[in-house]
C-alpha atoms as a PDB file:
ATOM      1  CA  MET A   1      -8.628 -19.942  12.426  1.00  0.00           C
ATOM      2  CA  THR A   2      -6.431 -20.002  15.513  1.00  0.00           C
ATOM      3  CA  ASP A   3      -6.635 -17.502  18.381  1.00  0.00           C
ATOM      4  CA  SER A   4      -3.401 -15.942  17.132  1.00  0.00           C
ATOM      5  CA  ASP A   5      -4.896 -15.480  13.654  1.00  0.00           C
ATOM      6  CA  ARG A   6      -8.028 -13.880  15.150  1.00  0.00           C
ATOM      7  CA  ARG A   7      -5.951 -11.443  17.236  1.00  0.00           C
ATOM      8  CA  GLU A   8      -3.873 -10.495  14.209  1.00  0.00           C
ATOM      9  CA  ALA A   9      -6.974 -10.014  12.054  1.00  0.00           C
ATOM     10  CA  ALA A  10      -8.565  -7.811  14.732  1.00  0.00           C
ATOM     11  CA  ARG A  11      -5.373  -5.760  15.001  1.00  0.00           C
ATOM     12  CA  ASP A  12      -5.284  -5.279  11.220  1.00  0.00           C
ATOM     13  CA  GLU A  13      -8.875  -4.021  11.229  1.00  0.00           C
ATOM     14  CA  VAL A  14      -8.078  -1.101  13.551  1.00  0.00           C
ATOM     15  CA  ILE A  15      -5.114   0.126  11.490  1.00  0.00           C
ATOM     16  CA  VAL A  16      -6.085   3.153   9.447  1.00  0.00           C
ATOM     17  CA  GLU A  17      -5.601   2.565   5.766  1.00  0.00           C
ATOM     18  CA  ARG A  18      -4.236   5.795   4.328  1.00  0.00           C
ATOM     19  CA  GLU A  19      -4.955   6.716   0.744  1.00  0.00           C
ATOM     20  CA  ARG A  20      -3.583   9.423  -1.503  1.00  0.00           C
ATOM     21  CA  GLU A  21      -3.826  10.626  -5.116  1.00  0.00           C
ATOM     22  CA  PHE A  22      -1.104  12.138  -7.286  1.00  0.00           C
ATOM     23  CA  VAL A  23      -0.284  12.847 -10.922  1.00  0.00           C
ATOM     24  CA  ASP A  24       3.007  11.688 -12.438  1.00  0.00           C
ATOM     25  CA  ALA A  25       5.167  13.648 -14.919  1.00  0.00           C
ATOM     26  CA  GLU A  26       3.323  12.034 -17.853  1.00  0.00           C
ATOM     27  CA  GLY A  27      -0.056  13.258 -16.566  1.00  0.00           C
ATOM     28  CA  THR A  28      -1.256   9.869 -15.305  1.00  0.00           C
ATOM     29  CA  ARG A  29      -3.458  10.083 -12.222  1.00  0.00           C
ATOM     30  CA  TRP A  30      -2.480   7.508  -9.601  1.00  0.00           C
ATOM     31  CA  ARG A  31      -4.044   6.450  -6.339  1.00  0.00           C
ATOM     32  CA  VAL A  32      -2.020   4.776  -3.629  1.00  0.00           C
ATOM     33  CA  LYS A  33      -3.336   3.010  -0.542  1.00  0.00           C
ATOM     34  CA  GLU A  34      -1.659   1.272   2.394  1.00  0.00           C
ATOM     35  CA  THR A  35      -3.359  -2.008   3.178  1.00  0.00           C
ATOM     36  CA  SER A  36      -2.844  -5.295   5.025  1.00  0.00           C
ATOM     37  CA  PHE A  37      -1.829  -8.410   3.128  1.00  0.00           C
ATOM     38  CA  SER A  38      -4.698 -10.720   2.306  1.00  0.00           C
ATOM     39  CA  HIS A  39      -5.534 -13.280   4.994  1.00  0.00           C
ATOM     40  CA  TYR A  40      -4.830 -15.896   2.329  1.00  0.00           C
ATOM     41  CA  ASP A  41      -1.234 -14.679   1.915  1.00  0.00           C
ATOM     42  CA  ARG A  42       1.161 -16.695   4.078  1.00  0.00           C
ATOM     43  CA  ARG A  43       3.239 -13.556   4.644  1.00  0.00           C
ATOM     44  CA  ARG A  44       2.018 -11.014   7.159  1.00  0.00           C
ATOM     45  CA  GLY A  45       2.361  -7.297   6.971  1.00  0.00           C
ATOM     46  CA  ARG A  46       1.263  -4.294   4.969  1.00  0.00           C
ATOM     47  CA  SER A  47       1.835  -3.073   1.453  1.00  0.00           C
ATOM     48  CA  LEU A  48       1.187  -0.083  -0.750  1.00  0.00           C
ATOM     49  CA  ILE A  49      -1.090  -0.570  -3.730  1.00  0.00           C
ATOM     50  CA  PHE A  50      -0.621   1.910  -6.583  1.00  0.00           C
ATOM     51  CA  TRP A  51      -3.242   1.970  -9.328  1.00  0.00           C
ATOM     52  CA  SER A  52      -4.169   4.019 -12.371  1.00  0.00           C
ATOM     53  CA  ASP A  53      -6.403   3.394 -15.370  1.00  0.00           C
ATOM     54  CA  GLY A  54      -3.625   1.366 -17.008  1.00  0.00           C
ATOM     55  CA  ALA A  55      -1.616  -0.320 -14.250  1.00  0.00           C
ATOM     56  CA  VAL A  56      -1.522  -1.728 -10.728  1.00  0.00           C
ATOM     57  CA  ARG A  57       1.603  -2.101  -8.601  1.00  0.00           C
ATOM     58  CA  ARG A  58       2.169  -3.561  -5.117  1.00  0.00           C
ATOM     59  CA  VAL A  59       5.114  -2.437  -2.983  1.00  0.00           C
ATOM     60  CA  ARG A  60       5.860  -4.432   0.164  1.00  0.00           C
ATOM     61  CA  SER A  61       8.914  -2.518   1.360  1.00  0.00           C
ATOM     62  CA  TYR A  62       8.345   1.198   1.895  1.00  0.00           C
ATOM     63  CA  PRO A  63       9.116   3.947   4.432  1.00  0.00           C
ATOM     64  CA  ALA A  64       6.719   4.637   7.291  1.00  0.00           C
ATOM     65  CA  ASP A  65       6.398   8.248   6.138  1.00  0.00           C
ATOM     66  CA  TRP A  66       5.352   7.309   2.570  1.00  0.00           C
ATOM     67  CA  TYR A  67       2.274   9.510   2.922  1.00  0.00           C
ATOM     68  CA  GLU A  68       4.484  12.599   3.140  1.00  0.00           C
ATOM     69  CA  LEU A  69       6.678  11.816   0.100  1.00  0.00           C
ATOM     70  CA  SER A  70       6.654  14.091  -2.937  1.00  0.00           C
ATOM     71  CA  GLU A  71       4.885  12.982  -6.103  1.00  0.00           C
ATOM     72  CA  ASN A  72       8.243  12.220  -7.755  1.00  0.00           C
ATOM     73  CA  GLU A  73       9.315  10.133  -4.743  1.00  0.00           C
ATOM     74  CA  LEU A  74       6.022   8.208  -4.890  1.00  0.00           C
ATOM     75  CA  VAL A  75       6.577   7.452  -8.580  1.00  0.00           C
ATOM     76  CA  GLN A  76      10.051   6.103  -7.807  1.00  0.00           C
ATOM     77  CA  LEU A  77       8.704   4.093  -4.871  1.00  0.00           C
ATOM     78  CA  SER A  78       5.983   2.567  -7.058  1.00  0.00           C
ATOM     79  CA  TRP A  79       8.683   0.835  -9.129  1.00  0.00           C
ATOM     80  CA  ASN A  80      10.080  -0.981  -6.032  1.00  0.00           C
ATOM     81  CA  ILE A  81       7.914  -3.976  -6.856  1.00  0.00           C
END
């Protein structure tokens, strides 16, 4: 691991990973969490992970204020895979 990789990993560790729960129109309970890409992923950045009992979705392009979106807006965002 290079010095640059170590600095980036340390920076990622101090970023707060927000998490939120919501229920969609069909009654499915979802959780969504903002997290850093895996260190094994050649891309760098953050993504939103949506998960329920029956599905998991990853969204790499999302607004900075995602945490304040309505439940309907979060459902729409979750399909931006």
